Amino acid sequence: MELKATKRTVSGKGVQQLRKEGSMPAIVYGPKQEATAIEMPLREFTKTLEKAGESTVIQLSVDGKEYNVLIHEVDRDPVTDIPRHADFYAVQKGQKVEISVPIEFVGVAPAVKELNGNLVKALHEIEIEAEATNLPHSITVDVSVLNAIDSQILAGDITLPSGVTLVTDAEAVVVLIATANEEVEEPVTGPDMSAIGISEDRGKKEEEALPSEEA
C-alpha cells in the first residue's frame, strides 16, 4: 500500500490555504528519521487510512524517497471529523513496536442465542508487540465459545498470530456474558404539585409574607 506526498514549505496561516486546496499537512519522523514536514492530497490519505488503519505499515513516498511508516496519530476537525493533520512514524526493518489493534468479534455466542444472555464487549482493542512489518490489521475473537452465563474471554485466551506478543494484561476481560435484565424498573415519581394548585413560586411568596422573627 503506497501513499505519495511532497515536502511542505508552508506553515501557520499557509496551512489553512493548503487545506482549502484539498491537501492535508503532515509530518514524518522516527528513530533514524529527522522530522520532516510534508503534505498530501486529503482524498488519498483518507482512502489509505480506511484500508490500513493505524496498525498496518504502508509505503510513504516523499518526492521519490521511500519510507515504511505507520499512521501514528490523526488530528480531526471536531465538527466535521475530517482529518486535519497526521503523524507518520517511520519504522526500520526488524524493529519491534507496541501498538493497539482493533478487535474483530466473530461467531454467535450460544449463551446469547439459547440462554437469552447479553454479550458485553469490555474491550474493543488490545495492545500488542511485534515487528513493524508483521503487525496484524486486527485481532479476531470468536465468541462462539461462550456457552454459559458469566462465561468470559480474557486477553490471555486470545490466540495471536506468530511473532505477535500480548502487552495488555492477560487477565483483562475482553468479552463476557451477562444475565439479561428483562424487568424494567419504573422510576418512582412524586405527586404532580401543579395538579393540586401548589407551585414553587407560590411557596416562596408565602414564605416572604411571613413576619420575620426577632431575636
C-alpha atoms as a PDB file:
ATOM      1  CA  MET A   1       0.000   0.000   0.000  1.00  0.00           C
ATOM      2  CA  GLU A   2       1.566   3.270  -1.124  1.00  0.00           C
ATOM      3  CA  LEU A   3       0.824   6.909  -0.379  1.00  0.00           C
ATOM      4  CA  LYS A   4       2.520   9.766  -2.205  1.00  0.00           C
ATOM      5  CA  ALA A   5       3.468  13.057  -0.565  1.00  0.00           C
ATOM      6  CA  THR A   6       5.694  16.073  -1.094  1.00  0.00           C
ATOM      7  CA  LYS A   7       7.790  18.136   1.292  1.00  0.00           C
ATOM      8  CA  ARG A   8       5.857  21.020   2.814  1.00  0.00           C
ATOM      9  CA  THR A   9       7.291  24.526   2.895  1.00  0.00           C
ATOM     10  CA  VAL A  10       4.315  26.420   4.310  1.00  0.00           C
ATOM     11  CA  SER A  11       3.221  26.703   7.934  1.00  0.00           C
ATOM     12  CA  GLY A  12       0.912  28.818  10.069  1.00  0.00           C
ATOM     13  CA  LYS A  13      -1.770  30.563   8.005  1.00  0.00           C
ATOM     14  CA  GLY A  14      -0.350  28.967   4.879  1.00  0.00           C
ATOM     15  CA  VAL A  15      -1.566  25.596   6.149  1.00  0.00           C
ATOM     16  CA  GLN A  16      -5.155  26.839   6.109  1.00  0.00           C
ATOM     17  CA  GLN A  17      -4.830  27.686   2.427  1.00  0.00           C
ATOM     18  CA  LEU A  18      -3.316  24.256   1.870  1.00  0.00           C
ATOM     19  CA  ARG A  19      -6.420  22.617   3.301  1.00  0.00           C
ATOM     20  CA  LYS A  20      -8.698  24.790   1.169  1.00  0.00           C
ATOM     21  CA  GLU A  21      -6.887  23.451  -1.884  1.00  0.00           C
ATOM     22  CA  GLY A  22      -7.654  19.851  -0.879  1.00  0.00           C
ATOM     23  CA  SER A  23      -4.322  18.924   0.697  1.00  0.00           C
ATOM     24  CA  MET A  24      -3.514  17.845   4.237  1.00  0.00           C
ATOM     25  CA  PRO A  25      -0.403  18.790   6.225  1.00  0.00           C
ATOM     26  CA  ALA A  26       1.504  16.012   7.967  1.00  0.00           C
ATOM     27  CA  ILE A  27       4.870  15.101   9.441  1.00  0.00           C
ATOM     28  CA  VAL A  28       7.062  12.015   9.179  1.00  0.00           C
ATOM     29  CA  TYR A  29       9.617  11.107  11.855  1.00  0.00           C
ATOM     30  CA  GLY A  30      11.254   8.121  13.509  1.00  0.00           C
ATOM     31  CA  PRO A  31      14.254   6.840  15.490  1.00  0.00           C
ATOM     32  CA  LYS A  32      16.527   7.336  12.494  1.00  0.00           C
ATOM     33  CA  GLN A  33      14.398   9.826  10.609  1.00  0.00           C
ATOM     34  CA  GLU A  34      14.553  13.565  11.202  1.00  0.00           C
ATOM     35  CA  ALA A  35      11.120  15.143  11.491  1.00  0.00           C
ATOM     36  CA  THR A  36      10.065  16.324   8.037  1.00  0.00           C
ATOM     37  CA  ALA A  37       7.001  18.431   7.216  1.00  0.00           C
ATOM     38  CA  ILE A  38       5.026  17.004   4.299  1.00  0.00           C
ATOM     39  CA  GLU A  39       1.693  17.387   2.524  1.00  0.00           C
ATOM     40  CA  MET A  40      -0.548  15.089   0.517  1.00  0.00           C
ATOM     41  CA  PRO A  41      -3.992  15.007  -1.118  1.00  0.00           C
ATOM     42  CA  LEU A  42      -6.601  14.637   1.619  1.00  0.00           C
ATOM     43  CA  ARG A  43      -8.660  12.257  -0.515  1.00  0.00           C
ATOM     44  CA  GLU A  44      -5.739   9.853  -0.975  1.00  0.00           C
ATOM     45  CA  PHE A  45      -4.873   9.943   2.720  1.00  0.00           C
ATOM     46  CA  THR A  46      -8.478   9.179   3.689  1.00  0.00           C
ATOM     47  CA  LYS A  47      -8.570   6.165   1.361  1.00  0.00           C
ATOM     48  CA  THR A  48      -5.310   4.840   2.803  1.00  0.00           C
ATOM     49  CA  LEU A  49      -6.457   5.364   6.385  1.00  0.00           C
ATOM     50  CA  GLU A  50      -9.668   3.424   5.748  1.00  0.00           C
ATOM     51  CA  LYS A  51      -7.719   0.456   4.361  1.00  0.00           C
ATOM     52  CA  ALA A  52      -4.652   0.441   6.610  1.00  0.00           C
ATOM     53  CA  GLY A  53      -5.866   1.940   9.865  1.00  0.00           C
ATOM     54  CA  GLU A  54      -3.118   2.754  12.353  1.00  0.00           C
ATOM     55  CA  SER A  55      -1.653  -0.740  12.682  1.00  0.00           C
ATOM     56  CA  THR A  56      -0.530  -1.545   9.135  1.00  0.00           C
ATOM     57  CA  VAL A  57       2.794  -0.489   7.652  1.00  0.00           C
ATOM     58  CA  ILE A  58       2.395   1.493   4.444  1.00  0.00           C
ATOM     59  CA  GLN A  59       4.926   2.810   1.967  1.00  0.00           C
ATOM     60  CA  LEU A  60       5.149   6.582   2.041  1.00  0.00           C
ATOM     61  CA  SER A  61       6.825   8.191  -0.955  1.00  0.00           C
ATOM     62  CA  VAL A  62       8.043  11.750  -0.321  1.00  0.00           C
ATOM     63  CA  ASP A  63       9.363  13.328  -3.511  1.00  0.00           C
ATOM     64  CA  GLY A  64      10.514   9.883  -4.604  1.00  0.00           C
ATOM     65  CA  LYS A  65      12.120   8.870  -1.288  1.00  0.00           C
ATOM     66  CA  GLU A  66      10.517   5.779   0.242  1.00  0.00           C
ATOM     67  CA  TYR A  67       9.653   5.279   3.915  1.00  0.00           C
ATOM     68  CA  ASN A  68       7.985   2.375   5.687  1.00  0.00           C
ATOM     69  CA  VAL A  69       5.603   4.094   8.085  1.00  0.00           C
ATOM     70  CA  LEU A  70       2.701   3.662  10.452  1.00  0.00           C
ATOM     71  CA  ILE A  71      -0.064   6.243  10.617  1.00  0.00           C
ATOM     72  CA  HIS A  72       0.697   7.185  14.197  1.00  0.00           C
ATOM     73  CA  GLU A  73      -1.815   9.899  15.025  1.00  0.00           C
ATOM     74  CA  VAL A  74      -4.597  11.688  13.163  1.00  0.00           C
ATOM     75  CA  ASP A  75      -5.996  15.065  14.205  1.00  0.00           C
ATOM     76  CA  ARG A  76      -9.609  15.547  13.105  1.00  0.00           C
ATOM     77  CA  ASP A  77     -11.920  18.520  12.867  1.00  0.00           C
ATOM     78  CA  PRO A  78     -14.182  18.358  15.960  1.00  0.00           C
ATOM     79  CA  VAL A  79     -17.255  19.274  13.908  1.00  0.00           C
ATOM     80  CA  THR A  80     -16.809  17.539  10.545  1.00  0.00           C
ATOM     81  CA  ASP A  81     -14.471  14.713  11.694  1.00  0.00           C
ATOM     82  CA  ILE A  82     -12.380  15.355   8.569  1.00  0.00           C
ATOM     83  CA  PRO A  83      -8.635  14.694   9.087  1.00  0.00           C
ATOM     84  CA  ARG A  84      -6.664  17.935   9.520  1.00  0.00           C
ATOM     85  CA  HIS A  85      -3.169  16.602  10.230  1.00  0.00           C
ATOM     86  CA  ALA A  86      -1.372  13.276  10.552  1.00  0.00           C
ATOM     87  CA  ASP A  87       1.832  11.953  12.094  1.00  0.00           C
ATOM     88  CA  PHE A  88       3.683   9.185  10.254  1.00  0.00           C
ATOM     89  CA  TYR A  89       6.132   7.072  12.256  1.00  0.00           C
ATOM     90  CA  ALA A  90       8.998   5.722  10.147  1.00  0.00           C
ATOM     91  CA  VAL A  91       9.998   2.188  11.166  1.00  0.00           C
ATOM     92  CA  GLN A  92      13.126   0.179  10.456  1.00  0.00           C
ATOM     93  CA  LYS A  93      13.321  -3.415   9.267  1.00  0.00           C
ATOM     94  CA  GLY A  94      13.290  -5.753  12.267  1.00  0.00           C
ATOM     95  CA  GLN A  95      12.177  -3.002  14.643  1.00  0.00           C
ATOM     96  CA  LYS A  96       9.576  -4.072  17.192  1.00  0.00           C
ATOM     97  CA  VAL A  97       6.779  -1.708  18.115  1.00  0.00           C
ATOM     98  CA  GLU A  98       3.958  -1.704  20.646  1.00  0.00           C
ATOM     99  CA  ILE A  99       0.608  -0.715  19.231  1.00  0.00           C
ATOM    100  CA  SER A 100      -3.119  -1.050  19.888  1.00  0.00           C
ATOM    101  CA  VAL A 101      -5.041  -3.024  17.291  1.00  0.00           C
ATOM    102  CA  PRO A 102      -8.827  -3.316  16.947  1.00  0.00           C
ATOM    103  CA  ILE A 103     -10.641  -6.491  17.982  1.00  0.00           C
ATOM    104  CA  GLU A 104     -12.941  -8.128  15.442  1.00  0.00           C
ATOM    105  CA  PHE A 105     -15.626 -10.225  17.128  1.00  0.00           C
ATOM    106  CA  VAL A 106     -16.899 -13.185  15.106  1.00  0.00           C
ATOM    107  CA  GLY A 107     -19.340 -16.029  15.683  1.00  0.00           C
ATOM    108  CA  VAL A 108     -22.511 -16.313  17.746  1.00  0.00           C
ATOM    109  CA  ALA A 109     -22.422 -16.986  21.480  1.00  0.00           C
ATOM    110  CA  PRO A 110     -24.698 -19.941  22.428  1.00  0.00           C
ATOM    111  CA  ALA A 111     -25.393 -18.241  25.766  1.00  0.00           C
ATOM    112  CA  VAL A 112     -26.982 -15.354  23.887  1.00  0.00           C
ATOM    113  CA  LYS A 113     -28.969 -17.482  21.472  1.00  0.00           C
ATOM    114  CA  GLU A 114     -30.101 -20.195  23.891  1.00  0.00           C
ATOM    115  CA  LEU A 115     -29.991 -18.579  27.355  1.00  0.00           C
ATOM    116  CA  ASN A 116     -31.000 -15.040  26.434  1.00  0.00           C
ATOM    117  CA  GLY A 117     -27.762 -13.646  27.853  1.00  0.00           C
ATOM    118  CA  ASN A 118     -26.252 -10.280  26.988  1.00  0.00           C
ATOM    119  CA  LEU A 119     -22.941 -10.139  25.129  1.00  0.00           C
ATOM    120  CA  VAL A 120     -20.840  -7.421  26.776  1.00  0.00           C
ATOM    121  CA  LYS A 121     -17.750  -6.271  24.880  1.00  0.00           C
ATOM    122  CA  ALA A 122     -15.419  -4.915  27.544  1.00  0.00           C
ATOM    123  CA  LEU A 123     -12.523  -4.160  25.183  1.00  0.00           C
ATOM    124  CA  HIS A 124     -12.542  -3.057  21.570  1.00  0.00           C
ATOM    125  CA  GLU A 125      -8.782  -3.121  21.058  1.00  0.00           C
ATOM    126  CA  ILE A 126      -5.751  -4.749  22.647  1.00  0.00           C
ATOM    127  CA  GLU A 127      -2.130  -3.725  22.846  1.00  0.00           C
ATOM    128  CA  ILE A 128       0.445  -5.995  21.234  1.00  0.00           C
ATOM    129  CA  GLU A 129       4.123  -6.038  20.312  1.00  0.00           C
ATOM    130  CA  ALA A 130       5.519  -7.259  17.011  1.00  0.00           C
ATOM    131  CA  GLU A 131       7.925  -6.370  14.249  1.00  0.00           C
ATOM    132  CA  ALA A 132       6.535  -3.399  12.374  1.00  0.00           C
ATOM    133  CA  THR A 133       6.269  -5.374   9.149  1.00  0.00           C
ATOM    134  CA  ASN A 134       4.402  -8.189  10.935  1.00  0.00           C
ATOM    135  CA  LEU A 135       1.653  -6.180  12.614  1.00  0.00           C
ATOM    136  CA  PRO A 136      -1.864  -7.588  12.153  1.00  0.00           C
ATOM    137  CA  HIS A 137      -4.565  -5.223  10.917  1.00  0.00           C
ATOM    138  CA  SER A 138      -6.927  -6.587  13.595  1.00  0.00           C
ATOM    139  CA  ILE A 139      -7.245  -9.422  16.112  1.00  0.00           C
ATOM    140  CA  THR A 140     -10.101 -11.914  15.772  1.00  0.00           C
ATOM    141  CA  VAL A 141     -12.020 -13.101  18.832  1.00  0.00           C
ATOM    142  CA  ASP A 142     -14.519 -15.950  18.369  1.00  0.00           C
ATOM    143  CA  VAL A 143     -17.416 -15.610  20.828  1.00  0.00           C
ATOM    144  CA  SER A 144     -18.949 -18.985  19.910  1.00  0.00           C
ATOM    145  CA  VAL A 145     -17.120 -20.497  22.913  1.00  0.00           C
ATOM    146  CA  LEU A 146     -19.298 -18.509  25.319  1.00  0.00           C
ATOM    147  CA  ASN A 147     -21.975 -21.053  26.212  1.00  0.00           C
ATOM    148  CA  ALA A 148     -22.934 -20.092  29.773  1.00  0.00           C
ATOM    149  CA  ILE A 149     -23.992 -17.052  31.765  1.00  0.00           C
ATOM    150  CA  ASP A 150     -20.925 -15.338  33.282  1.00  0.00           C
ATOM    151  CA  SER A 151     -18.588 -17.073  30.827  1.00  0.00           C
ATOM    152  CA  GLN A 152     -15.864 -14.785  29.523  1.00  0.00           C
ATOM    153  CA  ILE A 153     -12.822 -14.457  27.304  1.00  0.00           C
ATOM    154  CA  LEU A 154      -9.690 -12.907  28.774  1.00  0.00           C
ATOM    155  CA  ALA A 155      -6.943 -11.186  26.816  1.00  0.00           C
ATOM    156  CA  GLY A 156      -4.664 -14.115  27.607  1.00  0.00           C
ATOM    157  CA  ASP A 157      -7.144 -16.518  25.981  1.00  0.00           C
ATOM    158  CA  ILE A 158      -6.757 -14.907  22.559  1.00  0.00           C
ATOM    159  CA  THR A 159      -4.695 -16.801  20.001  1.00  0.00           C
ATOM    160  CA  LEU A 160      -2.274 -14.322  18.459  1.00  0.00           C
ATOM    161  CA  PRO A 161      -0.501 -14.651  15.106  1.00  0.00           C
ATOM    162  CA  SER A 162       3.058 -15.948  15.046  1.00  0.00           C
ATOM    163  CA  GLY A 163       5.580 -13.322  16.110  1.00  0.00           C
ATOM    164  CA  VAL A 164       2.989 -11.257  17.984  1.00  0.00           C
ATOM    165  CA  THR A 165       3.049 -10.971  21.784  1.00  0.00           C
ATOM    166  CA  LEU A 166       0.429  -9.600  24.141  1.00  0.00           C
ATOM    167  CA  VAL A 167       1.089  -6.362  26.031  1.00  0.00           C
ATOM    168  CA  THR A 168      -2.388  -5.893  27.505  1.00  0.00           C
ATOM    169  CA  ASP A 169      -2.837  -7.528  30.932  1.00  0.00           C
ATOM    170  CA  ALA A 170      -3.568 -11.205  30.287  1.00  0.00           C
ATOM    171  CA  GLU A 171      -6.288 -11.136  32.976  1.00  0.00           C
ATOM    172  CA  ALA A 172      -8.163  -8.259  31.330  1.00  0.00           C
ATOM    173  CA  VAL A 173     -11.715  -9.250  30.348  1.00  0.00           C
ATOM    174  CA  VAL A 174     -12.322  -8.848  26.630  1.00  0.00           C
ATOM    175  CA  VAL A 175     -15.914 -10.058  26.356  1.00  0.00           C
ATOM    176  CA  LEU A 176     -18.388 -11.734  28.704  1.00  0.00           C
ATOM    177  CA  ILE A 177     -21.950 -12.984  29.005  1.00  0.00           C
ATOM    178  CA  ALA A 178     -24.166 -11.153  31.483  1.00  0.00           C
ATOM    179  CA  THR A 179     -27.679 -12.002  32.653  1.00  0.00           C
ATOM    180  CA  ALA A 180     -30.319 -10.300  30.571  1.00  0.00           C
ATOM    181  CA  ASN A 181     -32.319  -7.779  32.599  1.00  0.00           C
ATOM    182  CA  GLU A 182     -35.849  -8.376  31.392  1.00  0.00           C
ATOM    183  CA  GLU A 183     -37.593  -6.375  34.114  1.00  0.00           C
ATOM    184  CA  VAL A 184     -37.676  -2.633  33.608  1.00  0.00           C
ATOM    185  CA  GLU A 185     -37.862  -0.831  36.916  1.00  0.00           C
ATOM    186  CA  GLU A 186     -40.192   2.115  36.683  1.00  0.00           C
ATOM    187  CA  PRO A 187     -38.868   5.314  38.256  1.00  0.00           C
ATOM    188  CA  VAL A 188     -40.603   6.442  41.442  1.00  0.00           C
ATOM    189  CA  THR A 189     -42.137   9.849  40.906  1.00  0.00           C
ATOM    190  CA  GLY A 190     -43.695  12.210  43.407  1.00  0.00           C
ATOM    191  CA  PRO A 191     -47.138  13.791  43.081  1.00  0.00           C
ATOM    192  CA  ASP A 192     -47.734  16.409  40.403  1.00  0.00           C
ATOM    193  CA  MET A 193     -47.667  19.572  42.500  1.00  0.00           C
ATOM    194  CA  SER A 194     -49.205  21.676  39.737  1.00  0.00           C
ATOM    195  CA  ALA A 195     -52.253  19.401  39.742  1.00  0.00           C
ATOM    196  CA  ILE A 196     -53.066  20.297  43.343  1.00  0.00           C
ATOM    197  CA  GLY A 197     -52.504  24.015  42.986  1.00  0.00           C
ATOM    198  CA  ILE A 198     -49.083  24.336  44.658  1.00  0.00           C
ATOM    199  CA  SER A 199     -46.075  25.797  42.908  1.00  0.00           C
ATOM    200  CA  GLU A 200     -42.533  26.670  43.923  1.00  0.00           C
ATOM    201  CA  ASP A 201     -43.197  30.366  43.267  1.00  0.00           C
ATOM    202  CA  ARG A 202     -46.267  30.345  45.472  1.00  0.00           C
ATOM    203  CA  GLY A 203     -44.292  28.749  48.277  1.00  0.00           C
ATOM    204  CA  LYS A 204     -41.632  31.450  48.004  1.00  0.00           C
ATOM    205  CA  LYS A 205     -44.258  34.231  48.102  1.00  0.00           C
ATOM    206  CA  GLU A 206     -45.887  32.742  51.165  1.00  0.00           C
ATOM    207  CA  GLU A 207     -42.504  32.420  52.884  1.00  0.00           C
ATOM    208  CA  GLU A 208     -41.707  36.065  52.134  1.00  0.00           C
ATOM    209  CA  ALA A 209     -45.090  37.130  53.569  1.00  0.00           C
ATOM    210  CA  LEU A 210     -44.344  35.606  56.969  1.00  0.00           C
ATOM    211  CA  PRO A 211     -43.292  38.083  59.677  1.00  0.00           C
ATOM    212  CA  SER A 212     -39.612  37.990  60.433  1.00  0.00           C
ATOM    213  CA  GLU A 213     -38.506  36.567  63.753  1.00  0.00           C
ATOM    214  CA  GLU A 214     -36.937  38.964  66.189  1.00  0.00           C
ATOM    215  CA  ALA A 215     -34.076  37.846  68.338  1.00  0.00           C
END
